[in-house]
Amino acid sequence: MSSRRSRSFSIFFCISSEDISGLNCFPSFIVTSVYFHHFILHPLLLLFSFLSFILSPILFIFLHLQVSILLSRKITSLSLSPTVYIFTLRLRISRSAYCKST
């Protein structure tokens, strides 16, 4: 029997920016429950990380506005589309990990 090792981890890459809705910096790349199988990084994950790094400021502003509207209307997660729900979950995680400038 060959035993497979998988490790889950989270990556937070913080970029300082102008004050956006009370946030002084924001995680631009958040991956939750990403698994290493035999410690080999999948090429698709590298592609995703690169695109996430490039598009993170645009996505953050757009999704933060979407999340603010959705939370203000108190729409349940069942009425959200899968994509919006995933990004909403990521932004809720990132909101708890915001950075204050010293």
N, C-alpha and C. Protein backbone atom coordinates (compact mmCIF):
# COMPACT_ATOMS: atom_id res chain seq x y z
N MET A 1 0.83 -1.19 0.00
CA MET A 1 0.00 0.00 0.00
C MET A 1 0.88 1.25 0.00
N SER A 2 0.63 2.10 -0.94
CA SER A 2 1.38 3.35 -0.98
C SER A 2 0.56 4.44 -0.31
N SER A 3 1.19 5.08 0.61
CA SER A 3 0.48 6.13 1.35
C SER A 3 0.72 7.47 0.65
N ARG A 4 -0.35 8.19 0.43
CA ARG A 4 -0.24 9.50 -0.20
C ARG A 4 -0.32 10.57 0.87
N ARG A 5 0.56 11.53 0.73
CA ARG A 5 0.55 12.65 1.66
C ARG A 5 -0.05 13.87 0.98
N SER A 6 -0.98 14.48 1.68
CA SER A 6 -1.58 15.70 1.18
C SER A 6 -1.51 16.75 2.28
N ARG A 7 -1.15 17.93 1.90
CA ARG A 7 -1.09 19.01 2.87
C ARG A 7 -1.98 20.15 2.40
N SER A 8 -2.80 20.62 3.28
CA SER A 8 -3.61 21.78 2.96
C SER A 8 -2.96 23.02 3.55
N PHE A 9 -3.10 24.14 2.84
CA PHE A 9 -2.48 25.36 3.31
C PHE A 9 -3.24 26.55 2.75
N SER A 10 -2.96 27.70 3.29
CA SER A 10 -3.53 28.95 2.80
C SER A 10 -2.40 29.91 2.51
N ILE A 11 -2.54 30.64 1.40
CA ILE A 11 -1.53 31.62 1.01
C ILE A 11 -2.17 33.01 1.09
N PHE A 12 -1.52 33.91 1.79
CA PHE A 12 -1.98 35.29 1.84
C PHE A 12 -0.86 36.18 1.30
N PHE A 13 -1.14 36.86 0.22
CA PHE A 13 -0.17 37.78 -0.36
C PHE A 13 -0.77 39.18 -0.27
N CYS A 14 -0.18 39.99 0.57
CA CYS A 14 -0.77 41.29 0.88
C CYS A 14 -0.07 42.39 0.10
N ILE A 15 -0.86 43.21 -0.59
CA ILE A 15 -0.33 44.34 -1.34
C ILE A 15 -0.88 45.61 -0.71
N SER A 16 0.01 46.51 -0.33
CA SER A 16 -0.46 47.78 0.23
C SER A 16 -1.06 48.62 -0.89
N SER A 17 -2.16 49.29 -0.57
CA SER A 17 -2.86 50.07 -1.58
C SER A 17 -3.52 51.25 -0.89
N GLU A 18 -4.23 52.03 -1.65
CA GLU A 18 -5.00 53.13 -1.07
C GLU A 18 -6.12 52.55 -0.22
N ASP A 19 -6.68 53.38 0.61
CA ASP A 19 -7.73 52.92 1.50
C ASP A 19 -8.98 52.60 0.69
N ILE A 20 -9.33 51.32 0.62
CA ILE A 20 -10.52 50.88 -0.10
C ILE A 20 -11.51 50.36 0.92
N SER A 21 -12.53 51.14 1.18
CA SER A 21 -13.58 50.77 2.12
C SER A 21 -13.01 50.38 3.49
N GLY A 22 -12.07 51.15 3.97
CA GLY A 22 -11.52 50.93 5.30
C GLY A 22 -10.39 49.93 5.35
N LEU A 23 -10.04 49.35 4.21
CA LEU A 23 -8.93 48.40 4.20
C LEU A 23 -7.67 49.09 3.72
N ASN A 24 -6.58 48.93 4.44
CA ASN A 24 -5.32 49.53 4.04
C ASN A 24 -4.46 48.59 3.23
N CYS A 25 -4.69 47.32 3.35
CA CYS A 25 -4.06 46.36 2.45
C CYS A 25 -4.96 45.14 2.38
N PHE A 26 -4.81 44.37 1.33
CA PHE A 26 -5.74 43.28 1.13
C PHE A 26 -5.01 42.07 0.58
N PRO A 27 -5.46 40.88 0.93
CA PRO A 27 -4.86 39.68 0.35
C PRO A 27 -5.23 39.56 -1.12
N SER A 28 -4.24 39.48 -1.97
CA SER A 28 -4.52 39.40 -3.39
C SER A 28 -4.59 37.95 -3.87
N PHE A 29 -4.08 37.03 -3.09
CA PHE A 29 -4.08 35.64 -3.53
C PHE A 29 -4.40 34.77 -2.33
N ILE A 30 -5.58 34.21 -2.33
CA ILE A 30 -6.01 33.36 -1.23
C ILE A 30 -6.45 32.02 -1.81
N VAL A 31 -5.81 30.96 -1.39
CA VAL A 31 -6.21 29.63 -1.80
C VAL A 31 -6.43 28.81 -0.54
N THR A 32 -7.62 28.28 -0.39
CA THR A 32 -7.91 27.47 0.78
C THR A 32 -8.03 26.02 0.37
N SER A 33 -7.53 25.16 1.19
CA SER A 33 -7.58 23.72 0.96
C SER A 33 -6.97 23.33 -0.38
N VAL A 34 -5.77 23.79 -0.62
CA VAL A 34 -5.01 23.36 -1.80
C VAL A 34 -4.13 22.19 -1.37
N TYR A 35 -4.11 21.18 -2.16
CA TYR A 35 -3.44 19.95 -1.73
C TYR A 35 -2.18 19.69 -2.55
N PHE A 36 -1.13 19.34 -1.85
CA PHE A 36 0.08 18.82 -2.48
C PHE A 36 0.01 17.30 -2.45
N HIS A 37 0.10 16.69 -3.60
CA HIS A 37 0.19 15.24 -3.68
C HIS A 37 1.64 14.87 -3.95
N HIS A 38 2.26 14.26 -3.00
CA HIS A 38 3.68 13.93 -3.08
C HIS A 38 4.52 15.19 -3.29
N PHE A 39 4.07 16.30 -2.74
CA PHE A 39 4.79 17.56 -2.77
C PHE A 39 5.09 18.05 -4.18
N ILE A 40 4.21 17.76 -5.11
CA ILE A 40 4.35 18.24 -6.48
C ILE A 40 3.26 19.28 -6.74
N LEU A 41 3.65 20.46 -7.15
CA LEU A 41 2.70 21.52 -7.40
C LEU A 41 2.11 21.37 -8.80
N HIS A 42 0.80 21.41 -8.87
CA HIS A 42 0.12 21.23 -10.15
C HIS A 42 0.30 22.47 -11.03
N PRO A 43 0.55 22.29 -12.33
CA PRO A 43 0.73 23.45 -13.21
C PRO A 43 -0.48 24.38 -13.25
N LEU A 44 -1.68 23.82 -13.13
CA LEU A 44 -2.87 24.67 -13.15
C LEU A 44 -2.91 25.60 -11.94
N LEU A 45 -2.38 25.14 -10.82
CA LEU A 45 -2.33 25.99 -9.65
C LEU A 45 -1.38 27.17 -9.87
N LEU A 46 -0.27 26.91 -10.56
CA LEU A 46 0.67 27.99 -10.87
C LEU A 46 0.01 29.02 -11.81
N LEU A 47 -0.74 28.52 -12.78
CA LEU A 47 -1.44 29.42 -13.69
C LEU A 47 -2.49 30.23 -12.93
N PHE A 48 -3.21 29.57 -12.04
CA PHE A 48 -4.22 30.26 -11.26
C PHE A 48 -3.59 31.33 -10.36
N SER A 49 -2.46 31.01 -9.76
CA SER A 49 -1.81 31.97 -8.88
C SER A 49 -1.32 33.19 -9.65
N PHE A 50 -0.81 32.96 -10.86
CA PHE A 50 -0.33 34.07 -11.68
C PHE A 50 -1.49 34.98 -12.09
N LEU A 51 -2.59 34.38 -12.57
CA LEU A 51 -3.75 35.17 -12.97
C LEU A 51 -4.38 35.88 -11.78
N SER A 52 -4.39 35.21 -10.65
CA SER A 52 -4.95 35.82 -9.45
C SER A 52 -4.12 37.01 -9.00
N PHE A 53 -2.81 36.91 -9.14
CA PHE A 53 -1.93 38.01 -8.76
C PHE A 53 -2.13 39.21 -9.68
N ILE A 54 -2.29 38.96 -10.99
CA ILE A 54 -2.44 40.04 -11.96
C ILE A 54 -3.81 40.71 -11.81
N LEU A 55 -4.85 39.91 -11.64
CA LEU A 55 -6.21 40.45 -11.66
C LEU A 55 -6.74 40.79 -10.28
N SER A 56 -5.94 40.62 -9.24
CA SER A 56 -6.46 40.77 -7.89
C SER A 56 -6.99 42.17 -7.57
N PRO A 57 -6.32 43.27 -7.96
CA PRO A 57 -6.90 44.58 -7.62
C PRO A 57 -8.26 44.82 -8.27
N ILE A 58 -8.40 44.41 -9.53
CA ILE A 58 -9.67 44.60 -10.23
C ILE A 58 -10.74 43.71 -9.60
N LEU A 59 -10.40 42.45 -9.36
CA LEU A 59 -11.36 41.54 -8.77
C LEU A 59 -11.74 41.98 -7.36
N PHE A 60 -10.77 42.49 -6.61
CA PHE A 60 -11.07 42.87 -5.23
C PHE A 60 -12.08 44.01 -5.19
N ILE A 61 -11.86 45.04 -6.02
CA ILE A 61 -12.77 46.18 -6.02
C ILE A 61 -14.15 45.74 -6.49
N PHE A 62 -14.22 44.97 -7.58
CA PHE A 62 -15.50 44.54 -8.12
C PHE A 62 -16.22 43.63 -7.14
N LEU A 63 -15.51 42.64 -6.61
CA LEU A 63 -16.15 41.67 -5.72
C LEU A 63 -16.48 42.28 -4.37
N HIS A 64 -15.68 43.22 -3.92
CA HIS A 64 -15.99 43.88 -2.65
C HIS A 64 -17.29 44.66 -2.77
N LEU A 65 -17.50 45.31 -3.92
CA LEU A 65 -18.76 46.00 -4.14
C LEU A 65 -19.92 45.02 -4.20
N GLN A 66 -19.69 43.88 -4.89
CA GLN A 66 -20.74 42.87 -4.98
C GLN A 66 -21.09 42.31 -3.61
N VAL A 67 -20.07 42.03 -2.82
CA VAL A 67 -20.30 41.46 -1.49
C VAL A 67 -21.01 42.47 -0.61
N SER A 68 -20.63 43.75 -0.72
CA SER A 68 -21.28 44.77 0.09
C SER A 68 -22.76 44.86 -0.25
N ILE A 69 -23.08 44.79 -1.55
CA ILE A 69 -24.48 44.85 -1.96
C ILE A 69 -25.22 43.60 -1.49
N LEU A 70 -24.59 42.43 -1.64
CA LEU A 70 -25.25 41.19 -1.26
C LEU A 70 -25.47 41.13 0.25
N LEU A 71 -24.48 41.56 1.01
CA LEU A 71 -24.63 41.51 2.46
C LEU A 71 -25.63 42.55 2.95
N SER A 72 -25.72 43.68 2.27
CA SER A 72 -26.68 44.68 2.69
C SER A 72 -28.10 44.24 2.41
N ARG A 73 -28.28 43.46 1.38
CA ARG A 73 -29.62 42.94 1.06
C ARG A 73 -29.92 41.64 1.79
N LYS A 74 -28.91 41.09 2.44
CA LYS A 74 -29.05 39.85 3.21
C LYS A 74 -29.59 38.70 2.33
N ILE A 75 -28.97 38.55 1.17
CA ILE A 75 -29.35 37.46 0.28
C ILE A 75 -28.69 36.18 0.78
N THR A 76 -29.45 35.12 0.83
CA THR A 76 -28.89 33.86 1.32
C THR A 76 -27.95 33.26 0.28
N SER A 77 -27.08 32.36 0.73
CA SER A 77 -26.10 31.77 -0.17
C SER A 77 -26.75 30.88 -1.22
N LEU A 78 -27.97 30.42 -0.96
CA LEU A 78 -28.62 29.55 -1.93
C LEU A 78 -29.02 30.30 -3.20
N SER A 79 -29.23 31.59 -3.08
CA SER A 79 -29.65 32.35 -4.26
C SER A 79 -28.46 32.86 -5.07
N LEU A 80 -27.25 32.65 -4.58
CA LEU A 80 -26.06 33.13 -5.30
C LEU A 80 -25.63 32.11 -6.34
N SER A 81 -25.04 32.62 -7.39
CA SER A 81 -24.46 31.70 -8.36
C SER A 81 -23.20 31.09 -7.76
N PRO A 82 -22.75 29.94 -8.25
CA PRO A 82 -21.57 29.28 -7.67
C PRO A 82 -20.32 30.16 -7.68
N THR A 83 -20.11 30.89 -8.77
CA THR A 83 -18.91 31.71 -8.86
C THR A 83 -18.93 32.83 -7.83
N VAL A 84 -20.06 33.51 -7.74
CA VAL A 84 -20.17 34.62 -6.78
C VAL A 84 -20.07 34.09 -5.36
N TYR A 85 -20.62 32.91 -5.13
CA TYR A 85 -20.57 32.34 -3.78
C TYR A 85 -19.15 32.00 -3.39
N ILE A 86 -18.35 31.47 -4.31
CA ILE A 86 -16.96 31.13 -4.01
C ILE A 86 -16.17 32.40 -3.69
N PHE A 87 -16.33 33.42 -4.53
CA PHE A 87 -15.60 34.65 -4.28
C PHE A 87 -16.09 35.36 -3.03
N THR A 88 -17.38 35.24 -2.74
CA THR A 88 -17.91 35.82 -1.51
C THR A 88 -17.28 35.15 -0.30
N LEU A 89 -17.14 33.86 -0.37
CA LEU A 89 -16.51 33.13 0.73
C LEU A 89 -15.06 33.55 0.88
N ARG A 90 -14.36 33.72 -0.21
CA ARG A 90 -12.97 34.14 -0.14
C ARG A 90 -12.85 35.55 0.44
N LEU A 91 -13.76 36.43 0.05
CA LEU A 91 -13.68 37.78 0.56
C LEU A 91 -14.04 37.83 2.04
N ARG A 92 -14.93 36.98 2.48
CA ARG A 92 -15.23 36.93 3.90
C ARG A 92 -14.00 36.47 4.69
N ILE A 93 -13.26 35.55 4.11
CA ILE A 93 -12.03 35.12 4.77
C ILE A 93 -11.02 36.26 4.77
N SER A 94 -10.92 36.97 3.65
CA SER A 94 -9.92 38.03 3.57
C SER A 94 -10.30 39.23 4.43
N ARG A 95 -11.58 39.47 4.62
CA ARG A 95 -11.99 40.58 5.47
C ARG A 95 -11.54 40.37 6.91
N SER A 96 -11.45 39.13 7.34
CA SER A 96 -11.01 38.86 8.70
C SER A 96 -9.49 38.91 8.81
N ALA A 97 -8.81 39.02 7.67
CA ALA A 97 -7.34 39.03 7.69
C ALA A 97 -6.79 40.33 7.12
N TYR A 98 -7.55 41.42 7.29
CA TYR A 98 -7.09 42.68 6.72
C TYR A 98 -5.94 43.25 7.54
N CYS A 99 -5.17 44.14 6.92
CA CYS A 99 -3.97 44.68 7.55
C CYS A 99 -4.16 46.15 7.86
N LYS A 100 -3.71 46.57 8.99
CA LYS A 100 -3.72 47.99 9.36
C LYS A 100 -2.32 48.54 9.14
N SER A 101 -2.24 49.69 8.53
CA SER A 101 -0.93 50.30 8.33
C SER A 101 -0.48 50.94 9.65
N THR A 102 0.79 50.77 9.95
CA THR A 102 1.30 51.33 11.20
C THR A 102 2.04 52.63 10.94
